[in-house]
C-alpha atoms as a PDB file:
ATOM      1  CA  UNK A   1     165.746 -79.553 134.209  1.00  0.00           C
ATOM      2  CA  UNK A   2     165.743 -76.279 136.150  1.00  0.00           C
ATOM      3  CA  UNK A   3     166.492 -72.724 134.911  1.00  0.00           C
ATOM      4  CA  UNK A   4     169.471 -71.021 136.458  1.00  0.00           C
ATOM      5  CA  UNK A   5     170.009 -67.190 135.661  1.00  0.00           C
ATOM      6  CA  UNK A   6     174.057 -66.385 135.382  1.00  0.00           C
ATOM      7  CA  UNK A   7     174.963 -63.033 135.576  1.00  0.00           C
ATOM      8  CA  UNK A   8     177.791 -61.389 133.340  1.00  0.00           C
ATOM      9  CA  UNK A   9     179.106 -58.527 131.633  1.00  0.00           C
ATOM     10  CA  UNK A  10     180.057 -57.549 128.443  1.00  0.00           C
ATOM     11  CA  UNK A  11     182.864 -54.656 127.550  1.00  0.00           C
ATOM     12  CA  UNK A  12     183.789 -53.009 124.285  1.00  0.00           C
ATOM     13  CA  UNK A  13     182.901 -49.785 123.288  1.00  0.00           C
ATOM     14  CA  UNK A  14     180.018 -48.896 123.444  1.00  0.00           C
ATOM     15  CA  UNK A  15     179.342 -52.169 125.543  1.00  0.00           C
ATOM     16  CA  UNK A  16     181.649 -51.024 128.738  1.00  0.00           C
ATOM     17  CA  UNK A  17     180.959 -53.193 131.847  1.00  0.00           C
ATOM     18  CA  UNK A  18     176.890 -53.466 130.579  1.00  0.00           C
ATOM     19  CA  UNK A  19     175.526 -56.011 133.255  1.00  0.00           C
ATOM     20  CA  UNK A  20     173.546 -58.501 131.480  1.00  0.00           C
ATOM     21  CA  UNK A  21     172.033 -62.160 132.584  1.00  0.00           C
ATOM     22  CA  UNK A  22     170.728 -65.394 130.904  1.00  0.00           C
ATOM     23  CA  UNK A  23     168.616 -68.292 131.596  1.00  0.00           C
ATOM     24  CA  UNK A  24     169.941 -71.517 131.082  1.00  0.00           C
ATOM     25  CA  UNK A  25     168.494 -75.108 131.907  1.00  0.00           C
ATOM     26  CA  UNK A  26     170.478 -77.145 133.807  1.00  0.00           C
ATOM     27  CA  UNK A  27     169.769 -80.651 134.848  1.00  0.00           C
ATOM     28  CA  UNK A  28     169.783 -82.052 138.400  1.00  0.00           C
ATOM     29  CA  UNK A  29     173.005 -83.507 138.084  1.00  0.00           C
ATOM     30  CA  UNK A  30     174.497 -80.576 136.692  1.00  0.00           C
ATOM     31  CA  UNK A  31     172.988 -78.381 138.585  1.00  0.00           C
ATOM     32  CA  UNK A  32     174.398 -80.171 141.679  1.00  0.00           C
ATOM     33  CA  UNK A  33     178.009 -79.669 140.015  1.00  0.00           C
ATOM     34  CA  UNK A  34     177.486 -76.500 139.755  1.00  0.00           C
ATOM     35  CA  UNK A  35     176.728 -76.023 143.225  1.00  0.00           C
ATOM     36  CA  UNK A  36     179.687 -78.058 144.309  1.00  0.00           C
ATOM     37  CA  UNK A  37     181.798 -75.820 142.665  1.00  0.00           C
ATOM     38  CA  UNK A  38     180.550 -72.426 143.269  1.00  0.00           C
ATOM     39  CA  UNK A  39     180.807 -73.662 147.154  1.00  0.00           C
ATOM     40  CA  UNK A  40     184.564 -74.577 146.018  1.00  0.00           C
ATOM     41  CA  UNK A  41     185.493 -71.586 144.175  1.00  0.00           C
ATOM     42  CA  UNK A  42     183.373 -68.765 146.857  1.00  0.00           C
ATOM     43  CA  UNK A  43     181.409 -68.084 144.170  1.00  0.00           C
ATOM     44  CA  UNK A  44     183.514 -66.651 141.429  1.00  0.00           C
ATOM     45  CA  UNK A  45     183.452 -66.295 138.289  1.00  0.00           C
ATOM     46  CA  UNK A  46     184.277 -69.907 136.855  1.00  0.00           C
ATOM     47  CA  UNK A  47     186.142 -69.936 133.571  1.00  0.00           C
ATOM     48  CA  UNK A  48     189.060 -71.889 134.676  1.00  0.00           C
ATOM     49  CA  UNK A  49     186.872 -74.288 136.998  1.00  0.00           C
ATOM     50  CA  UNK A  50     187.636 -77.355 135.229  1.00  0.00           C
ATOM     51  CA  UNK A  51     184.614 -79.482 137.610  1.00  0.00           C
ATOM     52  CA  UNK A  52     181.822 -77.513 135.475  1.00  0.00           C
ATOM     53  CA  UNK A  53     183.970 -76.587 132.055  1.00  0.00           C
ATOM     54  CA  UNK A  54     181.162 -77.841 130.292  1.00  0.00           C
ATOM     55  CA  UNK A  55     178.619 -75.893 131.857  1.00  0.00           C
ATOM     56  CA  UNK A  56     180.603 -73.129 131.364  1.00  0.00           C
ATOM     57  CA  UNK A  57     181.198 -73.450 127.675  1.00  0.00           C
ATOM     58  CA  UNK A  58     177.465 -74.070 127.019  1.00  0.00           C
ATOM     59  CA  UNK A  59     176.608 -71.085 128.948  1.00  0.00           C
ATOM     60  CA  UNK A  60     179.459 -69.060 127.070  1.00  0.00           C
ATOM     61  CA  UNK A  61     177.934 -70.162 124.116  1.00  0.00           C
ATOM     62  CA  UNK A  62     174.119 -69.252 124.524  1.00  0.00           C
ATOM     63  CA  UNK A  63     175.679 -65.881 125.293  1.00  0.00           C
ATOM     64  CA  UNK A  64     177.675 -65.539 122.366  1.00  0.00           C
ATOM     65  CA  UNK A  65     174.558 -66.882 120.139  1.00  0.00           C
ATOM     66  CA  UNK A  66     172.123 -63.773 121.877  1.00  0.00           C
ATOM     67  CA  UNK A  67     174.615 -60.586 121.311  1.00  0.00           C
ATOM     68  CA  UNK A  68     174.847 -62.540 117.507  1.00  0.00           C
ATOM     69  CA  UNK A  69     171.334 -61.792 117.144  1.00  0.00           C
ATOM     70  CA  UNK A  70     171.058 -58.249 118.839  1.00  0.00           C
ATOM     71  CA  UNK A  71     173.935 -57.296 116.692  1.00  0.00           C
ATOM     72  CA  UNK A  72     171.620 -58.514 113.573  1.00  0.00           C
ATOM     73  CA  UNK A  73     168.805 -56.429 114.902  1.00  0.00           C
ATOM     74  CA  UNK A  74     171.289 -53.370 115.906  1.00  0.00           C
ATOM     75  CA  UNK A  75     174.475 -53.240 114.400  1.00  0.00           C
ATOM     76  CA  UNK A  76     175.718 -49.848 115.226  1.00  0.00           C
ATOM     77  CA  UNK A  77     178.400 -51.068 117.991  1.00  0.00           C
ATOM     78  CA  UNK A  78     179.822 -53.208 115.139  1.00  0.00           C
ATOM     79  CA  UNK A  79     179.704 -50.096 112.918  1.00  0.00           C
ATOM     80  CA  UNK A  80     181.333 -47.835 115.335  1.00  0.00           C
ATOM     81  CA  UNK A  81     184.311 -50.618 115.740  1.00  0.00           C
ATOM     82  CA  UNK A  82     184.597 -50.384 111.894  1.00  0.00           C
ATOM     83  CA  UNK A  83     184.881 -47.307 111.024  1.00  0.00           C
ATOM     84  CA  UNK A  84     188.049 -47.292 112.651  1.00  0.00           C
ATOM     85  CA  UNK A  85     189.218 -48.759 109.711  1.00  0.00           C
ATOM     86  CA  UNK A  86     190.272 -47.316 106.384  1.00  0.00           C
ATOM     87  CA  UNK A  87     188.370 -50.308 103.997  1.00  0.00           C
ATOM     88  CA  UNK A  88     184.686 -49.767 105.651  1.00  0.00           C
ATOM     89  CA  UNK A  89     182.184 -49.170 103.582  1.00  0.00           C
ATOM     90  CA  UNK A  90     179.168 -47.593 105.604  1.00  0.00           C
ATOM     91  CA  UNK A  91     176.809 -47.960 103.116  1.00  0.00           C
ATOM     92  CA  UNK A  92     177.484 -51.517 102.637  1.00  0.00           C
ATOM     93  CA  UNK A  93     175.018 -53.752 105.129  1.00  0.00           C
ATOM     94  CA  UNK A  94     177.114 -55.635 108.157  1.00  0.00           C
ATOM     95  CA  UNK A  95     177.855 -58.898 107.250  1.00  0.00           C
ATOM     96  CA  UNK A  96     177.991 -61.763 109.732  1.00  0.00           C
ATOM     97  CA  UNK A  97     182.419 -62.212 109.644  1.00  0.00           C
ATOM     98  CA  UNK A  98     181.877 -58.126 111.019  1.00  0.00           C
ATOM     99  CA  UNK A  99     179.868 -59.325 113.709  1.00  0.00           C
ATOM    100  CA  UNK A 100     182.000 -62.251 114.462  1.00  0.00           C
ATOM    101  CA  UNK A 101     185.330 -60.055 114.264  1.00  0.00           C
ATOM    102  CA  UNK A 102     183.115 -58.083 117.050  1.00  0.00           C
ATOM    103  CA  UNK A 103     182.418 -60.909 118.945  1.00  0.00           C
ATOM    104  CA  UNK A 104     186.243 -61.843 118.765  1.00  0.00           C
ATOM    105  CA  UNK A 105     187.160 -58.465 120.306  1.00  0.00           C
ATOM    106  CA  UNK A 106     184.108 -58.434 123.333  1.00  0.00           C
ATOM    107  CA  UNK A 107     185.596 -59.164 126.910  1.00  0.00           C
ATOM    108  CA  UNK A 108     182.644 -61.838 128.204  1.00  0.00           C
ATOM    109  CA  UNK A 109     182.746 -62.339 132.169  1.00  0.00           C
ATOM    110  CA  UNK A 110     180.274 -64.826 133.646  1.00  0.00           C
ATOM    111  CA  UNK A 111     179.862 -65.545 136.626  1.00  0.00           C
ATOM    112  CA  UNK A 112     178.200 -67.928 139.441  1.00  0.00           C
ATOM    113  CA  UNK A 113     174.483 -67.613 139.708  1.00  0.00           C
ATOM    114  CA  UNK A 114     173.841 -65.494 142.982  1.00  0.00           C
ATOM    115  CA  UNK A 115     172.279 -68.608 144.674  1.00  0.00           C
ATOM    116  CA  UNK A 116     172.635 -72.238 143.346  1.00  0.00           C
ATOM    117  CA  UNK A 117     169.932 -74.558 144.956  1.00  0.00           C
ATOM    118  CA  UNK A 118     169.240 -78.762 143.626  1.00  0.00           C
END
């Protein structure tokens, strides 16, 4: 397994165009598939690249888990989103459903790593 750093961008409210990255472990075979796909797609984002769809789904899931954890620690972005809703009670703690609602509205773009070697 090799560690690969995937850059990604999130957009929503206070999070407009925040550039982040996540570390993800890939097998040698997956590294090779990713490198070949990046070369074929000129290193653009790989959302629609069928040859590495499973890698994309795993990385995307890891990003959502990381964001969900961050929102549990600091739910202010969720509170900001909910403040526009009539039934939002700021005295109530933020729920997992509200965090999921926020994540559903979040725009996330994952890009190929700068360099993929195998």
